[in-house]
Amino acid sequence: MDLKDLERLFQKEGIGVMGIADGEGWVNLAIYSPPIITSEGTLVFGTTQRLTYKNLTENPRAMFMYVPQEDWNGVRIRLRLAKDETSGKWLEKWKERFHAMGYTSLAKEIRHALHFKVEEVRPLKERPFCKG
C-alpha cells in the first residue's frame, strides 16, 4: 500500500487507534484522528501532552491502526517518531482541524505536531466478530 492508498483510506469515516509503550513496556492505547501525510511521506498527528506523548519521550516507536467503518479493511502502521514540533504550520493545521470537527476544547490542548516515519504497513482484513 503506497501513500496515495493511505490518503484515500484516511478520507473514509472510521476509527484510529494509536498504541505506544513506555520505557518499561506498558502499552497505552488512545483514539486518534487519521494523520496528515506530508509531501516527504511522513505521517503527522496532533497530540496533547498526556500519556501518549509521555510514552513517546521514553520510546519513539508506535503503532497506528485505522479501521474504516464501511468494510473493516483497514491498516496497521508501524511508526517511528522523526520530529516533534511545538509550533508552526503543522501544529496550526491540527488545531484548525479539531476546531472544524467541533472539538474546540481539545483543539486548545493540542501541543505537539508529531512527524512519524512509516516503517511498515500491514493490511487489516475484514473479520466479522460474530454472525447472527
C-alpha atoms as a PDB file:
ATOM      1  CA  MET A   1       0.000   0.000   0.000  1.00  0.00           C
ATOM      2  CA  ASP A   2       1.513   3.345  -1.032  1.00  0.00           C
ATOM      3  CA  LEU A   3       0.938   6.829   0.395  1.00  0.00           C
ATOM      4  CA  LYS A   4      -1.853   7.619  -2.089  1.00  0.00           C
ATOM      5  CA  ASP A   5      -3.700   4.487  -0.942  1.00  0.00           C
ATOM      6  CA  LEU A   6      -3.280   5.605   2.681  1.00  0.00           C
ATOM      7  CA  GLU A   7      -4.593   9.086   1.846  1.00  0.00           C
ATOM      8  CA  ARG A   8      -7.701   7.571   0.258  1.00  0.00           C
ATOM      9  CA  LEU A   9      -8.196   5.264   3.237  1.00  0.00           C
ATOM     10  CA  PHE A  10      -7.860   8.102   5.750  1.00  0.00           C
ATOM     11  CA  GLN A  11     -10.615  10.038   3.945  1.00  0.00           C
ATOM     12  CA  LYS A  12     -13.142   7.332   4.832  1.00  0.00           C
ATOM     13  CA  GLU A  13     -15.135   7.508   8.051  1.00  0.00           C
ATOM     14  CA  GLY A  14     -13.554   5.250  10.606  1.00  0.00           C
ATOM     15  CA  ILE A  15     -11.654   4.963  13.839  1.00  0.00           C
ATOM     16  CA  GLY A  16      -7.963   5.312  14.525  1.00  0.00           C
ATOM     17  CA  VAL A  17      -6.113   3.812  17.477  1.00  0.00           C
ATOM     18  CA  MET A  18      -2.555   4.721  18.483  1.00  0.00           C
ATOM     19  CA  GLY A  19      -0.556   2.314  20.634  1.00  0.00           C
ATOM     20  CA  ILE A  20       2.677   3.380  22.329  1.00  0.00           C
ATOM     21  CA  ALA A  21       4.589   1.619  25.101  1.00  0.00           C
ATOM     22  CA  ASP A  22       6.537   3.442  27.781  1.00  0.00           C
ATOM     23  CA  GLY A  23      10.157   2.668  28.645  1.00  0.00           C
ATOM     24  CA  GLU A  24       9.091  -0.329  30.749  1.00  0.00           C
ATOM     25  CA  GLY A  25       6.862  -1.819  28.057  1.00  0.00           C
ATOM     26  CA  TRP A  26       3.436  -0.790  29.410  1.00  0.00           C
ATOM     27  CA  VAL A  27       1.225  -0.025  26.424  1.00  0.00           C
ATOM     28  CA  ASN A  28      -1.228   2.852  26.209  1.00  0.00           C
ATOM     29  CA  LEU A  29      -3.973   2.892  23.572  1.00  0.00           C
ATOM     30  CA  ALA A  30      -5.708   6.086  22.512  1.00  0.00           C
ATOM     31  CA  ILE A  31      -8.252   7.100  19.897  1.00  0.00           C
ATOM     32  CA  TYR A  32      -6.601   9.267  17.221  1.00  0.00           C
ATOM     33  CA  SER A  33      -7.789  11.029  14.097  1.00  0.00           C
ATOM     34  CA  PRO A  34      -6.169   9.892  10.866  1.00  0.00           C
ATOM     35  CA  PRO A  35      -2.884  11.671  10.214  1.00  0.00           C
ATOM     36  CA  ILE A  36      -1.950  14.249   7.624  1.00  0.00           C
ATOM     37  CA  ILE A  37       0.531  12.858   5.082  1.00  0.00           C
ATOM     38  CA  THR A  38       3.315  15.278   4.135  1.00  0.00           C
ATOM     39  CA  SER A  39       4.947  15.575   0.723  1.00  0.00           C
ATOM     40  CA  GLU A  40       8.039  13.984   2.329  1.00  0.00           C
ATOM     41  CA  GLY A  41       5.982  10.906   3.205  1.00  0.00           C
ATOM     42  CA  THR A  42       5.803  11.347   6.976  1.00  0.00           C
ATOM     43  CA  LEU A  43       2.561  10.999   8.901  1.00  0.00           C
ATOM     44  CA  VAL A  44       1.736  13.963  11.145  1.00  0.00           C
ATOM     45  CA  PHE A  45      -0.502  13.611  14.183  1.00  0.00           C
ATOM     46  CA  GLY A  46      -1.645  16.353  16.527  1.00  0.00           C
ATOM     47  CA  THR A  47      -1.420  15.428  20.197  1.00  0.00           C
ATOM     48  CA  THR A  48      -1.888  16.733  23.692  1.00  0.00           C
ATOM     49  CA  GLN A  49       0.737  16.442  26.385  1.00  0.00           C
ATOM     50  CA  ARG A  50      -0.771  13.406  28.115  1.00  0.00           C
ATOM     51  CA  LEU A  51       0.214   9.741  28.454  1.00  0.00           C
ATOM     52  CA  THR A  52       0.730   9.023  24.753  1.00  0.00           C
ATOM     53  CA  TYR A  53       3.167  11.911  24.494  1.00  0.00           C
ATOM     54  CA  LYS A  54       4.911  10.921  27.741  1.00  0.00           C
ATOM     55  CA  ASN A  55       5.399   7.396  26.387  1.00  0.00           C
ATOM     56  CA  LEU A  56       6.917   8.799  23.187  1.00  0.00           C
ATOM     57  CA  THR A  57       9.537  10.640  25.217  1.00  0.00           C
ATOM     58  CA  GLU A  58      10.635   7.210  26.520  1.00  0.00           C
ATOM     59  CA  ASN A  59      10.081   5.142  23.372  1.00  0.00           C
ATOM     60  CA  PRO A  60       9.928   6.591  19.813  1.00  0.00           C
ATOM     61  CA  ARG A  61       8.082   3.584  18.338  1.00  0.00           C
ATOM     62  CA  ALA A  62       4.334   3.432  17.817  1.00  0.00           C
ATOM     63  CA  MET A  63       1.588   1.521  16.031  1.00  0.00           C
ATOM     64  CA  PHE A  64      -1.404   3.181  14.411  1.00  0.00           C
ATOM     65  CA  MET A  65      -4.437   1.217  13.301  1.00  0.00           C
ATOM     66  CA  TYR A  66      -7.129   2.739  11.117  1.00  0.00           C
ATOM     67  CA  VAL A  67     -10.388   0.886  10.514  1.00  0.00           C
ATOM     68  CA  PRO A  68     -12.956   2.320   8.090  1.00  0.00           C
ATOM     69  CA  GLN A  69     -16.470   1.667   9.282  1.00  0.00           C
ATOM     70  CA  GLU A  70     -17.764   0.727   5.830  1.00  0.00           C
ATOM     71  CA  ASP A  71     -15.832  -2.505   5.399  1.00  0.00           C
ATOM     72  CA  TRP A  72     -13.268  -3.046   8.199  1.00  0.00           C
ATOM     73  CA  ASN A  73     -10.483  -3.311   5.579  1.00  0.00           C
ATOM     74  CA  GLY A  74      -8.001  -1.073   7.344  1.00  0.00           C
ATOM     75  CA  VAL A  75      -4.311  -0.928   8.107  1.00  0.00           C
ATOM     76  CA  ARG A  76      -1.800  -1.305  10.912  1.00  0.00           C
ATOM     77  CA  ILE A  77       1.159   1.014  10.525  1.00  0.00           C
ATOM     78  CA  ARG A  78       4.455   0.635  12.366  1.00  0.00           C
ATOM     79  CA  LEU A  79       5.874   4.099  13.048  1.00  0.00           C
ATOM     80  CA  ARG A  80       8.995   5.769  14.403  1.00  0.00           C
ATOM     81  CA  LEU A  81       8.953   9.332  15.710  1.00  0.00           C
ATOM     82  CA  ALA A  82      11.049  11.554  13.447  1.00  0.00           C
ATOM     83  CA  LYS A  83      10.232  15.053  14.674  1.00  0.00           C
ATOM     84  CA  ASP A  84       8.256  16.803  17.423  1.00  0.00           C
ATOM     85  CA  GLU A  85       7.083  20.334  16.609  1.00  0.00           C
ATOM     86  CA  THR A  86       5.669  22.605  19.305  1.00  0.00           C
ATOM     87  CA  SER A  87       4.925  25.478  16.907  1.00  0.00           C
ATOM     88  CA  GLY A  88       4.496  26.064  13.208  1.00  0.00           C
ATOM     89  CA  LYS A  89       2.172  25.229  10.342  1.00  0.00           C
ATOM     90  CA  TRP A  90       1.552  21.556  11.196  1.00  0.00           C
ATOM     91  CA  LEU A  91       0.525  22.353  14.749  1.00  0.00           C
ATOM     92  CA  GLU A  92      -1.790  25.088  13.489  1.00  0.00           C
ATOM     93  CA  LYS A  93      -3.290  22.708  10.894  1.00  0.00           C
ATOM     94  CA  TRP A  94      -4.149  20.254  13.668  1.00  0.00           C
ATOM     95  CA  LYS A  95      -5.719  22.921  15.853  1.00  0.00           C
ATOM     96  CA  GLU A  96      -7.801  24.103  12.880  1.00  0.00           C
ATOM     97  CA  ARG A  97      -8.829  20.524  12.093  1.00  0.00           C
ATOM     98  CA  PHE A  98     -10.090  19.919  15.636  1.00  0.00           C
ATOM     99  CA  HIS A  99     -11.966  23.239  15.620  1.00  0.00           C
ATOM    100  CA  ALA A 100     -13.605  22.282  12.309  1.00  0.00           C
ATOM    101  CA  MET A 101     -14.727  18.934  13.798  1.00  0.00           C
ATOM    102  CA  GLY A 102     -16.289  20.758  16.758  1.00  0.00           C
ATOM    103  CA  TYR A 103     -13.666  19.729  19.321  1.00  0.00           C
ATOM    104  CA  THR A 104     -12.901  23.274  20.451  1.00  0.00           C
ATOM    105  CA  SER A 105     -11.676  22.430  23.946  1.00  0.00           C
ATOM    106  CA  LEU A 106      -9.454  19.620  22.620  1.00  0.00           C
ATOM    107  CA  ALA A 107      -8.049  21.962  19.951  1.00  0.00           C
ATOM    108  CA  LYS A 108      -6.801  24.208  22.760  1.00  0.00           C
ATOM    109  CA  GLU A 109      -4.940  21.250  24.318  1.00  0.00           C
ATOM    110  CA  ILE A 110      -3.026  20.240  21.175  1.00  0.00           C
ATOM    111  CA  ARG A 111       0.622  20.986  21.956  1.00  0.00           C
ATOM    112  CA  HIS A 112       2.588  18.845  19.501  1.00  0.00           C
ATOM    113  CA  ALA A 113       2.670  18.032  15.800  1.00  0.00           C
ATOM    114  CA  LEU A 114       4.377  14.649  15.750  1.00  0.00           C
ATOM    115  CA  HIS A 115       6.019  13.545  12.499  1.00  0.00           C
ATOM    116  CA  PHE A 116       6.396   9.786  12.113  1.00  0.00           C
ATOM    117  CA  LYS A 117       8.378   7.801   9.585  1.00  0.00           C
ATOM    118  CA  VAL A 118       6.434   4.810   8.245  1.00  0.00           C
ATOM    119  CA  GLU A 119       8.386   1.599   8.848  1.00  0.00           C
ATOM    120  CA  GLU A 120       5.759  -0.957   7.803  1.00  0.00           C
ATOM    121  CA  VAL A 121       2.150  -1.067   6.612  1.00  0.00           C
ATOM    122  CA  ARG A 122       0.143  -4.224   7.174  1.00  0.00           C
ATOM    123  CA  PRO A 123      -3.420  -4.783   5.949  1.00  0.00           C
ATOM    124  CA  LEU A 124      -6.272  -5.400   8.338  1.00  0.00           C
ATOM    125  CA  LYS A 125      -8.725  -7.619   6.505  1.00  0.00           C
ATOM    126  CA  GLU A 126     -12.436  -7.827   7.139  1.00  0.00           C
ATOM    127  CA  ARG A 127     -13.128 -10.185  10.035  1.00  0.00           C
ATOM    128  CA  PRO A 128     -16.714 -10.285  11.273  1.00  0.00           C
ATOM    129  CA  PHE A 129     -16.781 -10.536  15.053  1.00  0.00           C
ATOM    130  CA  CYS A 130     -19.877 -12.688  15.067  1.00  0.00           C
ATOM    131  CA  LYS A 131     -22.564 -13.850  12.715  1.00  0.00           C
ATOM    132  CA  GLY A 132     -26.121 -13.952  13.869  1.00  0.00           C
END
